[in-house]
Structures are given as C-alpha cells and as structure tokens.
N, C-alpha and C. Protein backbone atom coordinates (compact mmCIF):
# COMPACT_ATOMS: atom_id res chain seq x y z
N MET A 1 -14.92 -12.49 2.73
CA MET A 1 -15.09 -13.85 2.28
C MET A 1 -14.17 -14.07 1.08
N ALA A 2 -13.48 -15.17 1.10
CA ALA A 2 -12.55 -15.49 0.02
C ALA A 2 -13.29 -15.60 -1.31
N PRO A 3 -12.72 -15.06 -2.38
CA PRO A 3 -13.42 -15.06 -3.67
C PRO A 3 -13.74 -16.46 -4.19
N GLU A 4 -12.86 -17.42 -3.97
CA GLU A 4 -13.14 -18.77 -4.47
C GLU A 4 -14.31 -19.42 -3.74
N TYR A 5 -14.53 -19.02 -2.50
CA TYR A 5 -15.67 -19.54 -1.74
C TYR A 5 -16.95 -18.82 -2.17
N ALA A 6 -16.86 -17.51 -2.34
CA ALA A 6 -18.03 -16.72 -2.73
C ALA A 6 -18.51 -17.07 -4.13
N MET A 7 -17.59 -17.31 -5.05
CA MET A 7 -17.97 -17.54 -6.44
C MET A 7 -18.24 -19.00 -6.78
N GLU A 8 -17.46 -19.90 -6.18
CA GLU A 8 -17.56 -21.29 -6.59
C GLU A 8 -17.88 -22.26 -5.45
N GLY A 9 -17.94 -21.74 -4.22
CA GLY A 9 -18.23 -22.60 -3.08
C GLY A 9 -17.04 -23.46 -2.66
N LEU A 10 -15.84 -23.14 -3.15
CA LEU A 10 -14.65 -23.91 -2.81
C LEU A 10 -14.04 -23.34 -1.53
N TYR A 11 -13.80 -24.21 -0.56
CA TYR A 11 -13.23 -23.78 0.71
C TYR A 11 -11.96 -24.56 1.00
N SER A 12 -10.96 -23.86 1.51
CA SER A 12 -9.70 -24.50 1.89
C SER A 12 -9.06 -23.67 3.00
N THR A 13 -7.90 -24.10 3.47
CA THR A 13 -7.19 -23.32 4.48
C THR A 13 -6.78 -21.97 3.91
N LYS A 14 -6.63 -21.88 2.62
CA LYS A 14 -6.27 -20.60 1.99
C LYS A 14 -7.43 -19.60 2.06
N SER A 15 -8.65 -20.11 2.24
CA SER A 15 -9.79 -19.21 2.46
C SER A 15 -9.65 -18.53 3.81
N ASP A 16 -9.17 -19.26 4.80
CA ASP A 16 -8.92 -18.68 6.12
C ASP A 16 -7.79 -17.66 6.04
N ILE A 17 -6.81 -17.93 5.21
CA ILE A 17 -5.68 -17.00 5.04
C ILE A 17 -6.21 -15.67 4.48
N TYR A 18 -7.12 -15.75 3.52
CA TYR A 18 -7.72 -14.54 2.95
C TYR A 18 -8.40 -13.73 4.05
N SER A 19 -9.19 -14.39 4.86
CA SER A 19 -9.90 -13.71 5.95
C SER A 19 -8.92 -13.12 6.95
N PHE A 20 -7.85 -13.84 7.23
CA PHE A 20 -6.82 -13.35 8.15
C PHE A 20 -6.17 -12.08 7.59
N GLY A 21 -5.92 -12.05 6.30
CA GLY A 21 -5.35 -10.86 5.66
C GLY A 21 -6.26 -9.66 5.78
N VAL A 22 -7.56 -9.88 5.56
CA VAL A 22 -8.53 -8.79 5.71
C VAL A 22 -8.51 -8.30 7.16
N LEU A 23 -8.46 -9.23 8.09
CA LEU A 23 -8.45 -8.87 9.51
C LEU A 23 -7.20 -8.06 9.87
N ILE A 24 -6.04 -8.47 9.39
CA ILE A 24 -4.81 -7.71 9.64
C ILE A 24 -4.97 -6.28 9.13
N LEU A 25 -5.44 -6.14 7.90
CA LEU A 25 -5.58 -4.80 7.30
C LEU A 25 -6.60 -3.96 8.08
N GLU A 26 -7.69 -4.58 8.54
CA GLU A 26 -8.68 -3.84 9.31
C GLU A 26 -8.09 -3.37 10.64
N ILE A 27 -7.31 -4.20 11.28
CA ILE A 27 -6.74 -3.85 12.59
C ILE A 27 -5.75 -2.71 12.47
N ILE A 28 -4.84 -2.78 11.52
CA ILE A 28 -3.79 -1.76 11.45
C ILE A 28 -4.27 -0.44 10.84
N THR A 29 -5.38 -0.48 10.11
CA THR A 29 -5.89 0.76 9.52
C THR A 29 -7.04 1.36 10.31
N GLY A 30 -7.69 0.55 11.13
CA GLY A 30 -8.85 1.04 11.88
C GLY A 30 -10.08 1.21 11.01
N LYS A 31 -10.07 0.59 9.83
CA LYS A 31 -11.21 0.69 8.90
C LYS A 31 -11.81 -0.70 8.68
N LYS A 32 -13.09 -0.72 8.31
CA LYS A 32 -13.77 -1.98 8.05
C LYS A 32 -13.83 -2.26 6.56
N ASN A 33 -13.86 -3.53 6.23
CA ASN A 33 -13.93 -3.96 4.83
C ASN A 33 -15.38 -4.05 4.39
N THR A 34 -16.09 -2.94 4.48
CA THR A 34 -17.49 -2.91 4.05
C THR A 34 -17.71 -1.70 3.18
N GLY A 35 -18.40 -1.89 2.08
CA GLY A 35 -18.73 -0.78 1.20
C GLY A 35 -17.51 -0.11 0.61
N GLY A 36 -17.72 1.02 0.01
CA GLY A 36 -16.63 1.78 -0.57
C GLY A 36 -15.97 2.68 0.47
N VAL A 37 -14.82 3.18 0.14
CA VAL A 37 -14.10 4.04 1.06
C VAL A 37 -14.76 5.41 1.14
N HIS A 38 -15.14 5.97 0.00
CA HIS A 38 -15.80 7.27 -0.05
C HIS A 38 -17.05 7.13 -0.91
N GLN A 39 -17.99 6.32 -0.49
CA GLN A 39 -19.15 5.96 -1.30
C GLN A 39 -20.12 7.13 -1.44
N THR A 40 -20.54 7.38 -2.68
CA THR A 40 -21.61 8.33 -2.95
C THR A 40 -22.60 7.65 -3.89
N LYS A 41 -23.76 8.26 -4.05
CA LYS A 41 -24.77 7.66 -4.92
C LYS A 41 -24.34 7.63 -6.38
N ARG A 42 -23.64 8.64 -6.82
CA ARG A 42 -23.34 8.78 -8.23
C ARG A 42 -22.01 8.17 -8.66
N SER A 43 -21.11 7.93 -7.73
CA SER A 43 -19.80 7.45 -8.14
C SER A 43 -19.48 6.12 -7.51
N ARG A 44 -18.71 5.34 -8.24
CA ARG A 44 -18.25 4.04 -7.74
C ARG A 44 -17.00 4.31 -6.89
N SER A 45 -17.08 3.94 -5.64
CA SER A 45 -15.96 4.15 -4.75
C SER A 45 -15.16 2.85 -4.66
N PRO A 46 -13.84 2.95 -4.55
CA PRO A 46 -13.06 1.72 -4.44
C PRO A 46 -13.36 1.00 -3.13
N SER A 47 -13.32 -0.32 -3.17
CA SER A 47 -13.49 -1.08 -1.94
C SER A 47 -12.30 -0.85 -1.04
N PHE A 48 -12.40 -1.29 0.18
CA PHE A 48 -11.31 -1.14 1.15
C PHE A 48 -10.03 -1.79 0.62
N LEU A 49 -10.14 -3.02 0.12
CA LEU A 49 -8.96 -3.73 -0.38
C LEU A 49 -8.40 -3.05 -1.63
N GLU A 50 -9.28 -2.58 -2.48
CA GLU A 50 -8.86 -1.88 -3.69
C GLU A 50 -8.13 -0.58 -3.34
N TYR A 51 -8.67 0.15 -2.38
CA TYR A 51 -8.06 1.39 -1.95
C TYR A 51 -6.70 1.13 -1.30
N ALA A 52 -6.63 0.10 -0.45
CA ALA A 52 -5.36 -0.27 0.19
C ALA A 52 -4.33 -0.63 -0.88
N TRP A 53 -4.74 -1.39 -1.89
CA TRP A 53 -3.83 -1.78 -2.96
C TRP A 53 -3.32 -0.55 -3.72
N GLN A 54 -4.23 0.37 -4.05
CA GLN A 54 -3.85 1.58 -4.78
C GLN A 54 -2.82 2.39 -3.99
N LEU A 55 -3.05 2.55 -2.69
CA LEU A 55 -2.10 3.29 -1.87
C LEU A 55 -0.76 2.56 -1.79
N TRP A 56 -0.81 1.24 -1.69
CA TRP A 56 0.43 0.45 -1.63
C TRP A 56 1.25 0.64 -2.90
N LYS A 57 0.60 0.54 -4.06
CA LYS A 57 1.31 0.67 -5.33
C LYS A 57 1.90 2.06 -5.52
N LYS A 58 1.24 3.08 -4.97
CA LYS A 58 1.73 4.45 -5.10
C LYS A 58 2.76 4.79 -4.03
N GLY A 59 2.95 3.89 -3.05
CA GLY A 59 3.90 4.15 -1.98
C GLY A 59 3.34 4.98 -0.84
N TYR A 60 2.01 5.03 -0.73
CA TYR A 60 1.36 5.84 0.30
C TYR A 60 0.60 4.99 1.32
N ALA A 61 1.05 3.79 1.58
CA ALA A 61 0.35 2.90 2.50
C ALA A 61 0.25 3.49 3.91
N LEU A 62 1.21 4.31 4.30
CA LEU A 62 1.19 4.91 5.64
C LEU A 62 -0.01 5.84 5.84
N GLU A 63 -0.60 6.32 4.74
CA GLU A 63 -1.78 7.19 4.85
C GLU A 63 -2.98 6.46 5.45
N LEU A 64 -3.00 5.15 5.35
CA LEU A 64 -4.11 4.38 5.90
C LEU A 64 -3.88 3.96 7.35
N MET A 65 -2.74 4.29 7.92
CA MET A 65 -2.44 3.88 9.29
C MET A 65 -3.47 4.44 10.26
N ASP A 66 -3.94 3.59 11.16
CA ASP A 66 -4.89 4.00 12.18
C ASP A 66 -4.27 5.11 13.01
N SER A 67 -5.00 6.19 13.18
CA SER A 67 -4.47 7.34 13.92
C SER A 67 -4.16 7.00 15.37
N LEU A 68 -4.82 5.99 15.91
CA LEU A 68 -4.51 5.58 17.29
C LEU A 68 -3.10 5.02 17.41
N LEU A 69 -2.58 4.47 16.33
CA LEU A 69 -1.22 3.93 16.37
C LEU A 69 -0.18 5.05 16.41
N THR A 70 -0.50 6.18 15.84
CA THR A 70 0.47 7.27 15.79
C THR A 70 0.34 8.22 16.97
N THR A 71 -0.79 8.18 17.68
CA THR A 71 -0.99 9.12 18.78
C THR A 71 -0.71 8.52 20.14
N THR A 72 -0.43 7.23 20.22
CA THR A 72 -0.16 6.63 21.53
C THR A 72 1.24 6.98 21.99
N ASN A 73 1.44 6.92 23.27
CA ASN A 73 2.75 7.19 23.85
C ASN A 73 3.67 5.98 23.73
N ASP A 74 3.13 4.86 23.31
CA ASP A 74 3.91 3.63 23.17
C ASP A 74 4.75 3.73 21.90
N SER A 75 6.05 3.84 22.07
CA SER A 75 6.94 4.01 20.91
C SER A 75 7.35 2.68 20.30
N SER A 76 6.74 1.58 20.77
CA SER A 76 7.13 0.27 20.24
C SER A 76 6.56 0.03 18.84
N TRP A 77 5.55 0.77 18.44
CA TRP A 77 4.95 0.61 17.11
C TRP A 77 5.62 1.60 16.17
N ASN A 78 6.13 1.11 15.06
CA ASN A 78 6.78 2.02 14.12
C ASN A 78 6.31 1.76 12.70
N ALA A 79 6.77 2.59 11.80
CA ALA A 79 6.34 2.51 10.40
C ALA A 79 6.75 1.20 9.74
N ASP A 80 7.93 0.68 10.06
CA ASP A 80 8.37 -0.58 9.46
C ASP A 80 7.46 -1.74 9.85
N GLU A 81 7.04 -1.76 11.12
CA GLU A 81 6.12 -2.81 11.56
C GLU A 81 4.77 -2.69 10.85
N TYR A 82 4.29 -1.45 10.73
CA TYR A 82 3.03 -1.22 10.04
C TYR A 82 3.12 -1.68 8.59
N LEU A 83 4.20 -1.30 7.89
CA LEU A 83 4.35 -1.67 6.49
C LEU A 83 4.51 -3.18 6.33
N ARG A 84 5.16 -3.83 7.27
CA ARG A 84 5.28 -5.29 7.23
C ARG A 84 3.90 -5.94 7.35
N CYS A 85 3.12 -5.47 8.31
CA CYS A 85 1.76 -6.01 8.49
C CYS A 85 0.89 -5.71 7.27
N PHE A 86 1.03 -4.52 6.72
CA PHE A 86 0.27 -4.12 5.53
C PHE A 86 0.60 -5.05 4.37
N ARG A 87 1.86 -5.28 4.18
CA ARG A 87 2.31 -6.14 3.07
C ARG A 87 1.85 -7.58 3.26
N VAL A 88 1.96 -8.09 4.49
CA VAL A 88 1.50 -9.45 4.78
C VAL A 88 -0.01 -9.54 4.56
N GLY A 89 -0.74 -8.51 4.96
CA GLY A 89 -2.19 -8.48 4.72
C GLY A 89 -2.51 -8.55 3.24
N LEU A 90 -1.78 -7.79 2.42
CA LEU A 90 -2.00 -7.84 0.97
C LEU A 90 -1.60 -9.18 0.37
N LEU A 91 -0.54 -9.80 0.91
CA LEU A 91 -0.16 -11.14 0.43
C LEU A 91 -1.27 -12.15 0.71
N CYS A 92 -1.95 -11.97 1.82
CA CYS A 92 -3.01 -12.91 2.22
C CYS A 92 -4.28 -12.77 1.39
N VAL A 93 -4.52 -11.60 0.81
CA VAL A 93 -5.77 -11.37 0.07
C VAL A 93 -5.58 -11.45 -1.44
N GLN A 94 -4.52 -12.08 -1.90
CA GLN A 94 -4.31 -12.24 -3.33
C GLN A 94 -5.42 -13.13 -3.91
N HIS A 95 -5.76 -12.87 -5.15
CA HIS A 95 -6.88 -13.56 -5.77
C HIS A 95 -6.66 -15.07 -5.88
N ASP A 96 -5.50 -15.48 -6.31
CA ASP A 96 -5.21 -16.90 -6.48
C ASP A 96 -4.82 -17.52 -5.14
N PRO A 97 -5.58 -18.49 -4.66
CA PRO A 97 -5.26 -19.11 -3.37
C PRO A 97 -3.86 -19.71 -3.31
N PHE A 98 -3.34 -20.16 -4.44
CA PHE A 98 -2.00 -20.76 -4.45
C PHE A 98 -0.90 -19.73 -4.22
N HIS A 99 -1.20 -18.45 -4.46
CA HIS A 99 -0.22 -17.40 -4.22
C HIS A 99 -0.26 -16.89 -2.78
N ARG A 100 -1.30 -17.25 -2.03
CA ARG A 100 -1.38 -16.82 -0.64
C ARG A 100 -0.41 -17.65 0.21
N PRO A 101 0.20 -17.02 1.20
CA PRO A 101 1.14 -17.76 2.04
C PRO A 101 0.42 -18.73 2.99
N THR A 102 1.17 -19.64 3.56
CA THR A 102 0.63 -20.52 4.60
C THR A 102 0.70 -19.79 5.93
N MET A 103 -0.03 -20.28 6.92
CA MET A 103 -0.02 -19.61 8.21
C MET A 103 1.37 -19.65 8.86
N SER A 104 2.09 -20.74 8.67
CA SER A 104 3.44 -20.80 9.25
C SER A 104 4.37 -19.78 8.60
N SER A 105 4.22 -19.56 7.30
CA SER A 105 5.06 -18.54 6.65
C SER A 105 4.62 -17.13 7.05
N ILE A 106 3.34 -16.95 7.34
CA ILE A 106 2.86 -15.65 7.81
C ILE A 106 3.51 -15.32 9.16
N VAL A 107 3.58 -16.31 10.04
CA VAL A 107 4.20 -16.10 11.35
C VAL A 107 5.67 -15.71 11.16
N LEU A 108 6.36 -16.39 10.27
CA LEU A 108 7.77 -16.05 10.01
C LEU A 108 7.91 -14.64 9.43
N MET A 109 7.00 -14.26 8.53
CA MET A 109 7.05 -12.94 7.93
C MET A 109 6.81 -11.85 8.98
N LEU A 110 5.87 -12.11 9.89
CA LEU A 110 5.57 -11.11 10.91
C LEU A 110 6.70 -10.98 11.93
N LYS A 111 7.45 -12.05 12.13
CA LYS A 111 8.58 -12.02 13.06
C LYS A 111 9.83 -11.41 12.42
N SER A 112 9.91 -11.47 11.12
CA SER A 112 11.10 -11.03 10.40
C SER A 112 11.32 -9.53 10.54
N GLU A 113 12.57 -9.15 10.68
CA GLU A 113 12.94 -7.73 10.74
C GLU A 113 13.24 -7.17 9.35
N ASP A 114 13.53 -8.05 8.40
CA ASP A 114 13.95 -7.64 7.07
C ASP A 114 12.77 -7.63 6.11
N LEU A 115 12.37 -6.45 5.66
CA LEU A 115 11.25 -6.33 4.73
C LEU A 115 11.60 -6.82 3.33
N SER A 116 12.87 -6.86 2.99
CA SER A 116 13.26 -7.26 1.63
C SER A 116 13.02 -8.75 1.37
N THR A 117 12.86 -9.55 2.42
CA THR A 117 12.62 -10.98 2.23
C THR A 117 11.16 -11.28 1.88
N LEU A 118 10.28 -10.31 2.08
CA LEU A 118 8.87 -10.53 1.76
C LEU A 118 8.64 -10.39 0.26
N SER A 119 7.84 -11.27 -0.29
CA SER A 119 7.53 -11.17 -1.71
C SER A 119 6.56 -10.02 -1.97
N GLN A 120 6.46 -9.63 -3.22
CA GLN A 120 5.56 -8.55 -3.60
C GLN A 120 4.14 -9.11 -3.76
N PRO A 121 3.15 -8.46 -3.17
CA PRO A 121 1.78 -8.93 -3.33
C PRO A 121 1.24 -8.66 -4.72
N GLN A 122 0.26 -9.46 -5.11
CA GLN A 122 -0.44 -9.25 -6.38
C GLN A 122 -1.76 -8.56 -6.09
N ARG A 123 -2.43 -8.14 -7.13
CA ARG A 123 -3.68 -7.41 -6.97
C ARG A 123 -4.74 -8.24 -6.25
N PRO A 124 -5.49 -7.60 -5.34
CA PRO A 124 -6.64 -8.29 -4.73
C PRO A 124 -7.72 -8.56 -5.77
N PRO A 125 -8.64 -9.46 -5.49
CA PRO A 125 -9.62 -9.89 -6.50
C PRO A 125 -10.62 -8.85 -6.95
N GLU A 126 -10.92 -7.83 -6.19
CA GLU A 126 -11.93 -6.86 -6.59
C GLU A 126 -11.50 -5.99 -7.74
N LEU A 127 -10.22 -5.96 -8.02
CA LEU A 127 -9.71 -5.04 -9.02
C LEU A 127 -9.88 -5.57 -10.43
N SER A 128 -10.18 -4.66 -11.32
CA SER A 128 -10.20 -5.01 -12.74
C SER A 128 -8.97 -4.38 -13.38
N ASP A 129 -8.68 -4.76 -14.59
CA ASP A 129 -7.51 -4.23 -15.27
C ASP A 129 -7.74 -2.85 -15.88
N HIS A 130 -8.98 -2.40 -15.85
CA HIS A 130 -9.28 -1.08 -16.40
C HIS A 130 -10.26 -0.38 -15.49
N ASP A 131 -10.29 0.93 -15.59
CA ASP A 131 -11.25 1.69 -14.79
C ASP A 131 -12.63 1.50 -15.37
N GLU A 132 -13.56 1.14 -14.50
CA GLU A 132 -14.92 0.93 -14.97
C GLU A 132 -15.64 2.26 -15.09
N GLU A 133 -16.51 2.32 -16.04
CA GLU A 133 -17.32 3.50 -16.21
C GLU A 133 -18.34 3.55 -15.08
N VAL A 134 -18.59 4.74 -14.56
CA VAL A 134 -19.55 4.88 -13.48
C VAL A 134 -20.94 4.58 -14.02
N THR A 135 -21.63 3.68 -13.35
CA THR A 135 -22.98 3.33 -13.77
C THR A 135 -23.92 3.50 -12.60
N ASN A 136 -25.17 3.67 -12.90
CA ASN A 136 -26.19 3.77 -11.87
C ASN A 136 -26.73 2.38 -11.60
N ASP A 137 -26.44 1.85 -10.42
CA ASP A 137 -26.86 0.49 -10.07
C ASP A 137 -28.24 0.45 -9.42
N PHE A 138 -28.90 1.58 -9.30
CA PHE A 138 -30.18 1.60 -8.64
C PHE A 138 -31.31 1.45 -9.65
N SER A 139 -32.38 0.84 -9.20
CA SER A 139 -33.54 0.69 -10.06
C SER A 139 -34.22 2.05 -10.20
N VAL A 140 -35.27 2.05 -10.97
CA VAL A 140 -35.98 3.30 -11.24
C VAL A 140 -36.51 3.93 -9.95
N ASN A 141 -36.96 3.11 -9.02
CA ASN A 141 -37.52 3.66 -7.79
C ASN A 141 -36.47 3.90 -6.71
N ASN A 142 -35.19 3.66 -7.01
CA ASN A 142 -34.08 3.86 -6.08
C ASN A 142 -34.20 3.07 -4.79
N LEU A 143 -34.95 1.98 -4.82
CA LEU A 143 -35.11 1.15 -3.63
C LEU A 143 -34.33 -0.16 -3.72
N THR A 144 -34.01 -0.60 -4.91
CA THR A 144 -33.29 -1.86 -5.08
C THR A 144 -32.04 -1.64 -5.90
N VAL A 145 -31.09 -2.51 -5.71
CA VAL A 145 -29.86 -2.46 -6.47
C VAL A 145 -29.89 -3.61 -7.48
N SER A 146 -29.77 -3.28 -8.74
CA SER A 146 -29.82 -4.29 -9.78
C SER A 146 -28.53 -4.25 -10.58
N ARG A 147 -27.80 -5.35 -10.58
CA ARG A 147 -26.59 -5.43 -11.37
C ARG A 147 -26.72 -6.63 -12.32
N ILE A 148 -26.47 -6.38 -13.57
CA ILE A 148 -26.53 -7.46 -14.54
C ILE A 148 -25.11 -7.89 -14.80
N LEU A 149 -24.73 -9.03 -14.25
CA LEU A 149 -23.38 -9.55 -14.39
C LEU A 149 -23.44 -11.01 -14.82
N PRO A 150 -22.50 -11.43 -15.64
CA PRO A 150 -22.47 -12.84 -16.01
C PRO A 150 -22.06 -13.70 -14.83
N ARG A 151 -22.46 -14.95 -14.86
CA ARG A 151 -22.08 -15.87 -13.77
C ARG A 151 -20.78 -16.51 -14.04
C-alpha cells in the first residue's frame, strides 16, 4: 500500500505506481512483501523493500533474483533485464509520489535497452536515516504487539 494512502488517506495514480513497483519486485525476486526478510523475535529484520534497497545500493541486487529465472533453459532472461526491472521497481516505490514515474514512462523504461537512461531511485519509505535500536514490540504476555509511535 502506498505510504501516502496508508498515512494520510491520499490516493492518486501514483499510488497505483507504488503497487506496480512492489509487484515487479515480487515477481522478479520470487519473494513477497510481507514481514521481514529474516524475522526473529529478538531482532528487527529489514522489510522486503528495505532489503532490496540495501542490496541495490551495495551492488548486490542479483542476489535477490528468483532462482527459477536462473535455472530455466530459456536463455531469453538475462541479468541486464533483471537489473532493469529491479531498478524500475525501486523507482516506482519511492516515498515521494512526485518522484515516481508515470505508467507511460515505465513502459518506455522496460522497453529500453540502455540502462544508463534510467534515473537513480531514491530510498523507499520504510527506511530511516539511522539504524534503529532493536526493541521488544511484544507486550508482557507476548500475545499482542504494542508500538508507541507519533501520528
């Protein structure tokens, strides 16, 4: 769900672009955008988008490639296509709706052979500028999750 819709109830075509970006990333990685990537009770695990962003910034985006894409006999899928889709997916999930591309520009980006024409994505909305300290979000009875956050 687009952050502007979740937080403020604002909906636009850019909200659909956000969802489309999540869908692209889910398809090419074979992972779902639910929960943390390596969630445990004691540690805060990065979300799917946060993890994808971290790998992208480190230059390891290929590590998230769905294994079915690399094991098929179909040689039409290659690393450049994967990285193009990955980058377009990250462009679609940028926090500011005005920075997200339009659907027509997404089509052009996906058709393009030249990766250098694509702009650099900005951080997805789940990320903070600093590493958060690990906290216990469970109540005393470990049955409910309680988070005290400002509105």
